[in-house]
Amino acid sequence: MANPGRQNNQGTLFFSIITGLVLLLVGIIGFLGIRAVNSLQDQLDQTQERLAEISVRIDSLSEKTEIARSIAQDAEEQARQAAIGRLRAEASREISEAEKRAARRQAEVLEHEVARAKDEVARIKKERDAEMNRLQAALNRIADTRRTALGLVMNLGSDTINFDFDKANLRPENKELLSRVAGVLLTSSGYRVQIFGHTDNIGTDEYNQELSLRRAEAVRDYLVEAGLDPSIITVKGFGKSNPLVEGTSAAARAKNRRVEIGIIDTVVTYDNVMDGAEED
């Protein structure tokens, strides 16, 4: 028969061994758990650090990306402005060239017009010179007629129209001569007529001025009666201020009692107007 006390001791020993093994196992498990937890914590900390670094890098990359985007936008804007500038410059050059071409064309047209105008003026002047020469030749067969810078001057002195002393009346022979003059002038146009009356040196200045004007008016009235347009005729009296010849003899005084007719070309413009027979 077994010993109960021994059995109890064996049971107690076995329980103690089991308990010790359990405690040892618990301790080992606890130790291993703490190490695992610490290891996991370290890994977690490292992961968080790496995440923080990654976050910093992401932020840095975002900032760099924004900077790069800003730089790209600036570069794009500069490129756009440069392109606009080039287009404007090209357009400006094209406009400038077009303006230059237009200016050259206008200058060529103006030059051509000026050349045509000069040719036309030269043609007209040549025609008028020929006409004045023709008139001079025709009138010269009637009375002494000379060319001046402005046209013609016809001297109707004592050998053609001879006014009596202190008279302004036209003699019949004078009218016949003026009819011939009018006939020549009526064959032409583009002129005006100035008639200048003169006296000898007898009498006052005032009286001779009035007398010379009446003589010029007598010639004008007859030329108008013969067919000349009165609107192209003007008269002026010089009195005794512009004698044809000097002296107090009867012959000299007869020569100074005269009328002169100026034929002024109105087609070719001159700077001055004829002002009496003293102009050659």
C-alpha atoms as a PDB file:
ATOM      1  CA  MET A   1       0.000   0.000   0.000  1.00  0.00           C
ATOM      2  CA  ALA A   2       1.362   3.365  -0.984  1.00  0.00           C
ATOM      3  CA  ASN A   3       2.447   5.975   1.452  1.00  0.00           C
ATOM      4  CA  PRO A   4       0.023   8.891   1.443  1.00  0.00           C
ATOM      5  CA  GLY A   5       2.587  11.391   2.739  1.00  0.00           C
ATOM      6  CA  ARG A   6       5.013  10.499   0.060  1.00  0.00           C
ATOM      7  CA  GLN A   7       2.385  10.913  -2.517  1.00  0.00           C
ATOM      8  CA  ASN A   8       1.534  14.380  -1.206  1.00  0.00           C
ATOM      9  CA  ASN A   9       5.149  15.426  -1.343  1.00  0.00           C
ATOM     10  CA  GLN A  10       5.482  14.182  -4.873  1.00  0.00           C
ATOM     11  CA  GLY A  11       2.350  16.072  -5.829  1.00  0.00           C
ATOM     12  CA  THR A  12       3.642  19.211  -4.250  1.00  0.00           C
ATOM     13  CA  LEU A  13       6.985  18.855  -6.004  1.00  0.00           C
ATOM     14  CA  PHE A  14       5.317  18.276  -9.316  1.00  0.00           C
ATOM     15  CA  PHE A  15       3.101  21.309  -8.830  1.00  0.00           C
ATOM     16  CA  SER A  16       6.061  23.397  -7.928  1.00  0.00           C
ATOM     17  CA  ILE A  17       7.930  22.210 -10.980  1.00  0.00           C
ATOM     18  CA  ILE A  18       4.941  22.932 -13.191  1.00  0.00           C
ATOM     19  CA  THR A  19       4.465  26.295 -11.554  1.00  0.00           C
ATOM     20  CA  GLY A  20       8.132  27.089 -12.011  1.00  0.00           C
ATOM     21  CA  LEU A  21       7.995  26.050 -15.622  1.00  0.00           C
ATOM     22  CA  VAL A  22       4.910  28.133 -16.130  1.00  0.00           C
ATOM     23  CA  LEU A  23       6.511  31.122 -14.456  1.00  0.00           C
ATOM     24  CA  LEU A  24       9.670  30.590 -16.483  1.00  0.00           C
ATOM     25  CA  LEU A  25       7.653  30.324 -19.616  1.00  0.00           C
ATOM     26  CA  VAL A  26       5.691  33.406 -18.688  1.00  0.00           C
ATOM     27  CA  GLY A  27       8.908  35.221 -17.970  1.00  0.00           C
ATOM     28  CA  ILE A  28      10.418  34.118 -21.228  1.00  0.00           C
ATOM     29  CA  ILE A  29       7.280  35.096 -23.055  1.00  0.00           C
ATOM     30  CA  GLY A  30       7.172  38.430 -21.216  1.00  0.00           C
ATOM     31  CA  PHE A  31      10.810  39.060 -21.986  1.00  0.00           C
ATOM     32  CA  LEU A  32      10.337  38.153 -25.568  1.00  0.00           C
ATOM     33  CA  GLY A  33       7.166  40.274 -25.734  1.00  0.00           C
ATOM     34  CA  ILE A  34       8.936  43.313 -24.310  1.00  0.00           C
ATOM     35  CA  ARG A  35      11.758  42.885 -26.785  1.00  0.00           C
ATOM     36  CA  ALA A  36       9.273  42.495 -29.589  1.00  0.00           C
ATOM     37  CA  VAL A  37       7.365  45.529 -28.422  1.00  0.00           C
ATOM     38  CA  ASN A  38      10.582  47.518 -28.138  1.00  0.00           C
ATOM     39  CA  SER A  39      11.617  46.297 -31.555  1.00  0.00           C
ATOM     40  CA  LEU A  40       8.248  47.233 -32.983  1.00  0.00           C
ATOM     41  CA  GLN A  41       8.447  50.610 -31.263  1.00  0.00           C
ATOM     42  CA  ASP A  42      11.890  51.165 -32.751  1.00  0.00           C
ATOM     43  CA  GLN A  43      10.601  50.180 -36.148  1.00  0.00           C
ATOM     44  CA  LEU A  44       7.619  52.461 -35.651  1.00  0.00           C
ATOM     45  CA  ASP A  45       9.867  55.321 -34.621  1.00  0.00           C
ATOM     46  CA  GLN A  46      12.093  54.702 -37.622  1.00  0.00           C
ATOM     47  CA  THR A  47       9.051  54.525 -39.838  1.00  0.00           C
ATOM     48  CA  GLN A  48       7.765  57.813 -38.447  1.00  0.00           C
ATOM     49  CA  GLU A  49      11.176  59.395 -38.938  1.00  0.00           C
ATOM     50  CA  ARG A  50      11.247  58.140 -42.491  1.00  0.00           C
ATOM     51  CA  LEU A  51       7.708  59.397 -42.979  1.00  0.00           C
ATOM     52  CA  ALA A  52       8.784  62.752 -41.568  1.00  0.00           C
ATOM     53  CA  GLU A  53      11.767  62.810 -43.913  1.00  0.00           C
ATOM     54  CA  ILE A  54       9.521  61.801 -46.769  1.00  0.00           C
ATOM     55  CA  SER A  55       7.074  64.528 -45.783  1.00  0.00           C
ATOM     56  CA  VAL A  56       9.906  67.081 -45.697  1.00  0.00           C
ATOM     57  CA  ARG A  57      11.089  65.844 -49.053  1.00  0.00           C
ATOM     58  CA  ILE A  58       7.564  66.009 -50.394  1.00  0.00           C
ATOM     59  CA  ASP A  59       7.223  69.581 -49.097  1.00  0.00           C
ATOM     60  CA  SER A  60      10.596  70.442 -50.586  1.00  0.00           C
ATOM     61  CA  LEU A  61       9.643  68.757 -53.815  1.00  0.00           C
ATOM     62  CA  SER A  62       6.326  70.638 -53.854  1.00  0.00           C
ATOM     63  CA  GLU A  63       8.144  73.911 -53.246  1.00  0.00           C
ATOM     64  CA  LYS A  64      10.642  73.091 -55.962  1.00  0.00           C
ATOM     65  CA  THR A  65       7.802  72.040 -58.233  1.00  0.00           C
ATOM     66  CA  GLU A  66       6.042  75.359 -57.567  1.00  0.00           C
ATOM     67  CA  ILE A  67       9.262  77.247 -58.182  1.00  0.00           C
ATOM     68  CA  ALA A  68       9.820  75.248 -61.353  1.00  0.00           C
ATOM     69  CA  ARG A  69       6.230  75.947 -62.403  1.00  0.00           C
ATOM     70  CA  SER A  70       6.701  79.661 -61.676  1.00  0.00           C
ATOM     71  CA  ILE A  71       9.960  79.674 -63.599  1.00  0.00           C
ATOM     72  CA  ALA A  72       8.277  77.821 -66.451  1.00  0.00           C
ATOM     73  CA  GLN A  73       5.416  80.320 -66.454  1.00  0.00           C
ATOM     74  CA  ASP A  74       7.867  83.243 -66.426  1.00  0.00           C
ATOM     75  CA  ALA A  75       9.819  81.636 -69.244  1.00  0.00           C
ATOM     76  CA  GLU A  76       6.608  81.055 -71.161  1.00  0.00           C
ATOM     77  CA  GLU A  77       5.519  84.672 -70.614  1.00  0.00           C
ATOM     78  CA  GLN A  78       8.939  85.939 -71.675  1.00  0.00           C
ATOM     79  CA  ALA A  79       8.811  83.717 -74.729  1.00  0.00           C
ATOM     80  CA  ARG A  80       5.313  85.008 -75.505  1.00  0.00           C
ATOM     81  CA  GLN A  81       6.381  88.634 -75.065  1.00  0.00           C
ATOM     82  CA  ALA A  82       9.470  87.981 -77.177  1.00  0.00           C
ATOM     83  CA  ALA A  83       7.285  86.429 -79.880  1.00  0.00           C
ATOM     84  CA  ILE A  84       4.918  89.403 -79.704  1.00  0.00           C
ATOM     85  CA  GLY A  85       7.915  91.732 -79.903  1.00  0.00           C
ATOM     86  CA  ARG A  86       9.228  89.907 -82.962  1.00  0.00           C
ATOM     87  CA  LEU A  87       5.819  90.005 -84.592  1.00  0.00           C
ATOM     88  CA  ARG A  88       5.508  93.715 -83.857  1.00  0.00           C
ATOM     89  CA  ALA A  89       9.015  94.345 -85.149  1.00  0.00           C
ATOM     90  CA  GLU A  90       8.265  92.366 -88.294  1.00  0.00           C
ATOM     91  CA  ALA A  91       4.960  94.180 -88.712  1.00  0.00           C
ATOM     92  CA  SER A  92       6.706  97.497 -88.124  1.00  0.00           C
ATOM     93  CA  ARG A  93       9.349  96.630 -90.690  1.00  0.00           C
ATOM     94  CA  GLU A  94       6.655  95.573 -93.135  1.00  0.00           C
ATOM     95  CA  ILE A  95       4.729  98.794 -92.499  1.00  0.00           C
ATOM     96  CA  SER A  96       7.928 100.814 -92.783  1.00  0.00           C
ATOM     97  CA  GLU A  97       8.809  99.108 -96.040  1.00  0.00           C
ATOM     98  CA  ALA A  98       5.261  99.621 -97.290  1.00  0.00           C
ATOM     99  CA  GLU A  99       5.445 103.285 -96.302  1.00  0.00           C
ATOM    100  CA  LYS A 100       8.805 103.595 -98.022  1.00  0.00           C
ATOM    101  CA  ARG A 101       7.443 101.971-101.152  1.00  0.00           C
ATOM    102  CA  ALA A 102       4.386 104.218-101.028  1.00  0.00           C
ATOM    103  CA  ALA A 103       6.611 107.263-100.480  1.00  0.00           C
ATOM    104  CA  ARG A 104       8.818 106.233-103.378  1.00  0.00           C
ATOM    105  CA  ARG A 105       5.786 105.722-105.590  1.00  0.00           C
ATOM    106  CA  GLN A 106       4.391 109.091-104.516  1.00  0.00           C
ATOM    107  CA  ALA A 107       7.755 110.746-105.116  1.00  0.00           C
ATOM    108  CA  GLU A 108       7.943 109.136-108.552  1.00  0.00           C
ATOM    109  CA  VAL A 109       4.413 110.306-109.330  1.00  0.00           C
ATOM    110  CA  LEU A 110       5.192 113.824-108.099  1.00  0.00           C
ATOM    111  CA  GLU A 111       8.447 113.854-110.015  1.00  0.00           C
ATOM    112  CA  HIS A 112       6.607 112.739-113.112  1.00  0.00           C
ATOM    113  CA  GLU A 113       3.940 115.385-112.555  1.00  0.00           C
ATOM    114  CA  VAL A 114       6.593 118.059-111.985  1.00  0.00           C
ATOM    115  CA  ALA A 115       8.372 116.988-115.159  1.00  0.00           C
ATOM    116  CA  ARG A 116       5.083 117.085-117.053  1.00  0.00           C
ATOM    117  CA  ALA A 117       4.288 120.493-115.560  1.00  0.00           C
ATOM    118  CA  LYS A 118       7.716 121.807-116.527  1.00  0.00           C
ATOM    119  CA  ASP A 119       7.293 120.423-120.024  1.00  0.00           C
ATOM    120  CA  GLU A 120       3.851 121.995-120.208  1.00  0.00           C
ATOM    121  CA  VAL A 121       5.172 125.343-118.962  1.00  0.00           C
ATOM    122  CA  ALA A 122       8.035 125.160-121.441  1.00  0.00           C
ATOM    123  CA  ARG A 123       5.581 124.312-124.230  1.00  0.00           C
ATOM    124  CA  ILE A 124       3.264 127.162-123.279  1.00  0.00           C
ATOM    125  CA  LYS A 125       6.155 129.598-122.938  1.00  0.00           C
ATOM    126  CA  LYS A 126       7.463 128.558-126.319  1.00  0.00           C
ATOM    127  CA  GLU A 127       4.021 129.040-127.841  1.00  0.00           C
ATOM    128  CA  ARG A 128       3.623 132.408-126.144  1.00  0.00           C
ATOM    129  CA  ASP A 129       7.077 133.521-127.231  1.00  0.00           C
ATOM    130  CA  ALA A 130       6.168 132.567-130.764  1.00  0.00           C
ATOM    131  CA  GLU A 131       2.864 134.435-130.442  1.00  0.00           C
ATOM    132  CA  MET A 132       4.574 137.542-129.045  1.00  0.00           C
ATOM    133  CA  ASN A 133       7.091 137.380-131.871  1.00  0.00           C
ATOM    134  CA  ARG A 134       4.245 137.134-134.364  1.00  0.00           C
ATOM    135  CA  LEU A 135       2.449 140.097-132.790  1.00  0.00           C
ATOM    136  CA  GLN A 136       5.644 142.109-132.703  1.00  0.00           C
ATOM    137  CA  ALA A 137       6.302 141.448-136.382  1.00  0.00           C
ATOM    138  CA  ALA A 138       2.724 142.381-137.308  1.00  0.00           C
ATOM    139  CA  LEU A 139       2.602 145.503-135.145  1.00  0.00           C
ATOM    140  CA  ASN A 140       6.084 146.537-136.182  1.00  0.00           C
ATOM    141  CA  ARG A 141       4.748 146.981-139.704  1.00  0.00           C
ATOM    142  CA  ILE A 142       2.362 149.574-138.290  1.00  0.00           C
ATOM    143  CA  ALA A 143       4.572 151.385-135.755  1.00  0.00           C
ATOM    144  CA  ASP A 144       7.803 150.866-133.837  1.00  0.00           C
ATOM    145  CA  THR A 145       7.216 147.889-131.517  1.00  0.00           C
ATOM    146  CA  ARG A 146       9.827 146.388-129.196  1.00  0.00           C
ATOM    147  CA  ARG A 147       9.969 143.358-126.932  1.00  0.00           C
ATOM    148  CA  THR A 148      10.246 143.790-123.169  1.00  0.00           C
ATOM    149  CA  ALA A 149      10.529 141.346-120.309  1.00  0.00           C
ATOM    150  CA  LEU A 150       6.739 141.450-120.005  1.00  0.00           C
ATOM    151  CA  GLY A 151       5.553 141.577-123.582  1.00  0.00           C
ATOM    152  CA  LEU A 152       5.526 144.339-126.186  1.00  0.00           C
ATOM    153  CA  VAL A 153       5.590 148.124-126.204  1.00  0.00           C
ATOM    154  CA  MET A 154       4.245 149.959-129.235  1.00  0.00           C
ATOM    155  CA  ASN A 155       5.335 153.599-129.577  1.00  0.00           C
ATOM    156  CA  LEU A 156       2.761 155.786-131.290  1.00  0.00           C
ATOM    157  CA  GLY A 157       4.833 158.923-131.629  1.00  0.00           C
ATOM    158  CA  SER A 158       4.580 161.912-133.897  1.00  0.00           C
ATOM    159  CA  ASP A 159       5.304 159.813-136.987  1.00  0.00           C
ATOM    160  CA  THR A 160       2.211 157.682-136.325  1.00  0.00           C
ATOM    161  CA  ILE A 161      -0.205 159.496-134.000  1.00  0.00           C
ATOM    162  CA  ASN A 162       0.431 163.181-133.688  1.00  0.00           C
ATOM    163  CA  PHE A 163      -1.694 165.015-131.186  1.00  0.00           C
ATOM    164  CA  ASP A 164      -2.127 168.713-131.703  1.00  0.00           C
ATOM    165  CA  PHE A 165      -0.809 170.970-128.998  1.00  0.00           C
ATOM    166  CA  ASP A 166      -3.083 170.906-125.946  1.00  0.00           C
ATOM    167  CA  LYS A 167      -5.417 168.422-127.677  1.00  0.00           C
ATOM    168  CA  ALA A 168      -6.512 164.819-127.091  1.00  0.00           C
ATOM    169  CA  ASN A 169      -8.595 164.382-130.223  1.00  0.00           C
ATOM    170  CA  LEU A 170      -7.748 161.622-132.717  1.00  0.00           C
ATOM    171  CA  ARG A 171      -7.259 162.620-136.339  1.00  0.00           C
ATOM    172  CA  PRO A 172      -8.805 160.449-139.090  1.00  0.00           C
ATOM    173  CA  GLU A 173      -5.403 159.071-140.043  1.00  0.00           C
ATOM    174  CA  ASN A 174      -4.839 158.163-136.390  1.00  0.00           C
ATOM    175  CA  LYS A 175      -8.097 156.224-136.320  1.00  0.00           C
ATOM    176  CA  GLU A 176      -7.095 154.339-139.468  1.00  0.00           C
ATOM    177  CA  LEU A 177      -3.799 153.343-137.803  1.00  0.00           C
ATOM    178  CA  LEU A 178      -5.547 152.264-134.588  1.00  0.00           C
ATOM    179  CA  SER A 179      -7.977 150.171-136.661  1.00  0.00           C
ATOM    180  CA  ARG A 180      -4.992 148.270-138.038  1.00  0.00           C
ATOM    181  CA  VAL A 181      -3.613 147.835-134.507  1.00  0.00           C
ATOM    182  CA  ALA A 182      -6.967 146.512-133.305  1.00  0.00           C
ATOM    183  CA  GLY A 183      -7.126 144.138-136.267  1.00  0.00           C
ATOM    184  CA  VAL A 184      -3.783 142.590-135.275  1.00  0.00           C
ATOM    185  CA  LEU A 185      -4.689 142.321-131.585  1.00  0.00           C
ATOM    186  CA  LEU A 186      -8.022 140.685-132.381  1.00  0.00           C
ATOM    187  CA  THR A 187      -6.167 137.769-133.982  1.00  0.00           C
ATOM    188  CA  SER A 188      -4.604 136.839-130.626  1.00  0.00           C
ATOM    189  CA  SER A 189      -5.640 136.236-127.004  1.00  0.00           C
ATOM    190  CA  GLY A 190      -4.106 135.790-123.587  1.00  0.00           C
ATOM    191  CA  TYR A 191      -2.946 139.355-123.097  1.00  0.00           C
ATOM    192  CA  ARG A 192      -4.015 142.645-121.612  1.00  0.00           C
ATOM    193  CA  VAL A 193      -3.422 146.146-122.944  1.00  0.00           C
ATOM    194  CA  GLN A 194      -2.003 149.135-121.092  1.00  0.00           C
ATOM    195  CA  ILE A 195      -2.210 152.528-122.755  1.00  0.00           C
ATOM    196  CA  PHE A 196       0.159 155.280-121.585  1.00  0.00           C
ATOM    197  CA  GLY A 197      -0.387 158.919-122.439  1.00  0.00           C
ATOM    198  CA  HIS A 198       2.434 161.525-122.555  1.00  0.00           C
ATOM    199  CA  THR A 199       2.746 165.278-123.154  1.00  0.00           C
ATOM    200  CA  ASP A 200       5.451 167.783-123.944  1.00  0.00           C
ATOM    201  CA  ASN A 201       6.993 170.004-121.279  1.00  0.00           C
ATOM    202  CA  ILE A 202       4.765 173.033-121.711  1.00  0.00           C
ATOM    203  CA  GLY A 203       2.333 173.636-118.874  1.00  0.00           C
ATOM    204  CA  THR A 204       2.017 172.555-115.259  1.00  0.00           C
ATOM    205  CA  ASP A 205       2.483 169.037-113.998  1.00  0.00           C
ATOM    206  CA  GLU A 206      -1.167 168.770-112.959  1.00  0.00           C
ATOM    207  CA  TYR A 207      -2.493 169.960-116.319  1.00  0.00           C
ATOM    208  CA  ASN A 208      -0.209 167.724-118.344  1.00  0.00           C
ATOM    209  CA  GLN A 209      -1.101 164.749-116.167  1.00  0.00           C
ATOM    210  CA  GLU A 210      -4.772 165.260-116.937  1.00  0.00           C
ATOM    211  CA  LEU A 211      -4.056 165.874-120.638  1.00  0.00           C
ATOM    212  CA  SER A 212      -1.935 162.723-120.977  1.00  0.00           C
ATOM    213  CA  LEU A 213      -4.711 160.679-119.368  1.00  0.00           C
ATOM    214  CA  ARG A 214      -7.291 162.067-121.824  1.00  0.00           C
ATOM    215  CA  ARG A 215      -5.036 161.106-124.740  1.00  0.00           C
ATOM    216  CA  ALA A 216      -4.695 157.556-123.394  1.00  0.00           C
ATOM    217  CA  GLU A 217      -8.475 157.357-122.916  1.00  0.00           C
ATOM    218  CA  ALA A 218      -9.084 158.523-126.483  1.00  0.00           C
ATOM    219  CA  VAL A 219      -6.943 155.664-127.815  1.00  0.00           C
ATOM    220  CA  ARG A 220      -8.670 153.185-125.503  1.00  0.00           C
ATOM    221  CA  ASP A 221     -12.143 154.280-126.556  1.00  0.00           C
ATOM    222  CA  TYR A 222     -11.308 153.828-130.220  1.00  0.00           C
ATOM    223  CA  LEU A 223      -9.760 150.385-129.699  1.00  0.00           C
ATOM    224  CA  VAL A 224     -12.903 149.306-127.806  1.00  0.00           C
ATOM    225  CA  GLU A 225     -15.018 150.723-130.638  1.00  0.00           C
ATOM    226  CA  ALA A 226     -12.878 148.649-133.033  1.00  0.00           C
ATOM    227  CA  GLY A 227     -13.732 145.458-131.161  1.00  0.00           C
ATOM    228  CA  LEU A 228     -11.282 144.983-128.252  1.00  0.00           C
ATOM    229  CA  ASP A 229     -12.644 143.843-124.899  1.00  0.00           C
ATOM    230  CA  PRO A 230     -12.699 146.872-122.582  1.00  0.00           C
ATOM    231  CA  SER A 231     -12.046 144.668-119.546  1.00  0.00           C
ATOM    232  CA  ILE A 232      -8.482 143.925-120.735  1.00  0.00           C
ATOM    233  CA  ILE A 233      -7.555 147.581-121.243  1.00  0.00           C
ATOM    234  CA  THR A 234      -6.194 149.995-118.629  1.00  0.00           C
ATOM    235  CA  VAL A 235      -4.997 153.563-119.097  1.00  0.00           C
ATOM    236  CA  LYS A 236      -2.459 155.739-117.349  1.00  0.00           C
ATOM    237  CA  GLY A 237      -1.236 159.284-117.831  1.00  0.00           C
ATOM    238  CA  PHE A 238       2.421 160.216-117.287  1.00  0.00           C
ATOM    239  CA  GLY A 239       2.134 163.899-118.154  1.00  0.00           C
ATOM    240  CA  LYS A 240       5.520 165.377-118.994  1.00  0.00           C
ATOM    241  CA  SER A 241       7.411 163.147-116.519  1.00  0.00           C
ATOM    242  CA  ASN A 242       8.736 160.659-119.058  1.00  0.00           C
ATOM    243  CA  PRO A 243       9.789 162.385-122.296  1.00  0.00           C
ATOM    244  CA  LEU A 244      10.864 160.274-125.231  1.00  0.00           C
ATOM    245  CA  VAL A 245      13.505 162.834-126.221  1.00  0.00           C
ATOM    246  CA  GLU A 246      15.034 165.700-124.287  1.00  0.00           C
ATOM    247  CA  GLY A 247      14.806 169.274-125.561  1.00  0.00           C
ATOM    248  CA  THR A 248      12.444 172.180-125.992  1.00  0.00           C
ATOM    249  CA  SER A 249      12.386 172.360-129.785  1.00  0.00           C
ATOM    250  CA  ALA A 250       9.135 171.969-131.702  1.00  0.00           C
ATOM    251  CA  ALA A 251      10.312 168.610-133.086  1.00  0.00           C
ATOM    252  CA  ALA A 252      11.232 167.305-129.620  1.00  0.00           C
ATOM    253  CA  ARG A 253       7.953 168.438-128.147  1.00  0.00           C
ATOM    254  CA  ALA A 254       6.010 166.814-131.004  1.00  0.00           C
ATOM    255  CA  LYS A 255       7.742 163.473-130.365  1.00  0.00           C
ATOM    256  CA  ASN A 256       6.897 163.663-126.657  1.00  0.00           C
ATOM    257  CA  ARG A 257       3.185 164.248-127.363  1.00  0.00           C
ATOM    258  CA  ARG A 258       2.574 160.551-127.821  1.00  0.00           C
ATOM    259  CA  VAL A 259       0.774 157.403-126.704  1.00  0.00           C
ATOM    260  CA  GLU A 260       2.396 154.045-126.044  1.00  0.00           C
ATOM    261  CA  ILE A 261       0.560 150.715-126.017  1.00  0.00           C
ATOM    262  CA  GLY A 262       1.832 147.881-123.846  1.00  0.00           C
ATOM    263  CA  ILE A 263       0.728 144.334-124.671  1.00  0.00           C
ATOM    264  CA  ILE A 264       1.195 142.222-121.529  1.00  0.00           C
ATOM    265  CA  ASP A 265       1.164 138.438-121.800  1.00  0.00           C
ATOM    266  CA  THR A 266      -1.303 137.014-119.233  1.00  0.00           C
ATOM    267  CA  VAL A 267      -0.681 133.338-120.006  1.00  0.00           C
ATOM    268  CA  VAL A 268       2.923 133.373-118.810  1.00  0.00           C
ATOM    269  CA  THR A 269       3.077 134.947-115.329  1.00  0.00           C
ATOM    270  CA  TYR A 270       5.711 137.559-114.586  1.00  0.00           C
ATOM    271  CA  ASP A 271       6.876 138.989-111.278  1.00  0.00           C
ATOM    272  CA  ASN A 272       6.330 142.624-112.274  1.00  0.00           C
ATOM    273  CA  VAL A 273       3.859 144.574-114.362  1.00  0.00           C
ATOM    274  CA  MET A 274       4.716 147.039-117.054  1.00  0.00           C
ATOM    275  CA  ASP A 275       4.791 150.554-115.678  1.00  0.00           C
ATOM    276  CA  GLY A 276       5.377 152.828-118.591  1.00  0.00           C
ATOM    277  CA  ALA A 277       7.565 153.001-121.643  1.00  0.00           C
ATOM    278  CA  GLU A 278      10.798 153.309-119.685  1.00  0.00           C
ATOM    279  CA  GLU A 279      10.969 149.498-119.315  1.00  0.00           C
ATOM    280  CA  ASP A 280      12.800 147.656-122.083  1.00  0.00           C
END
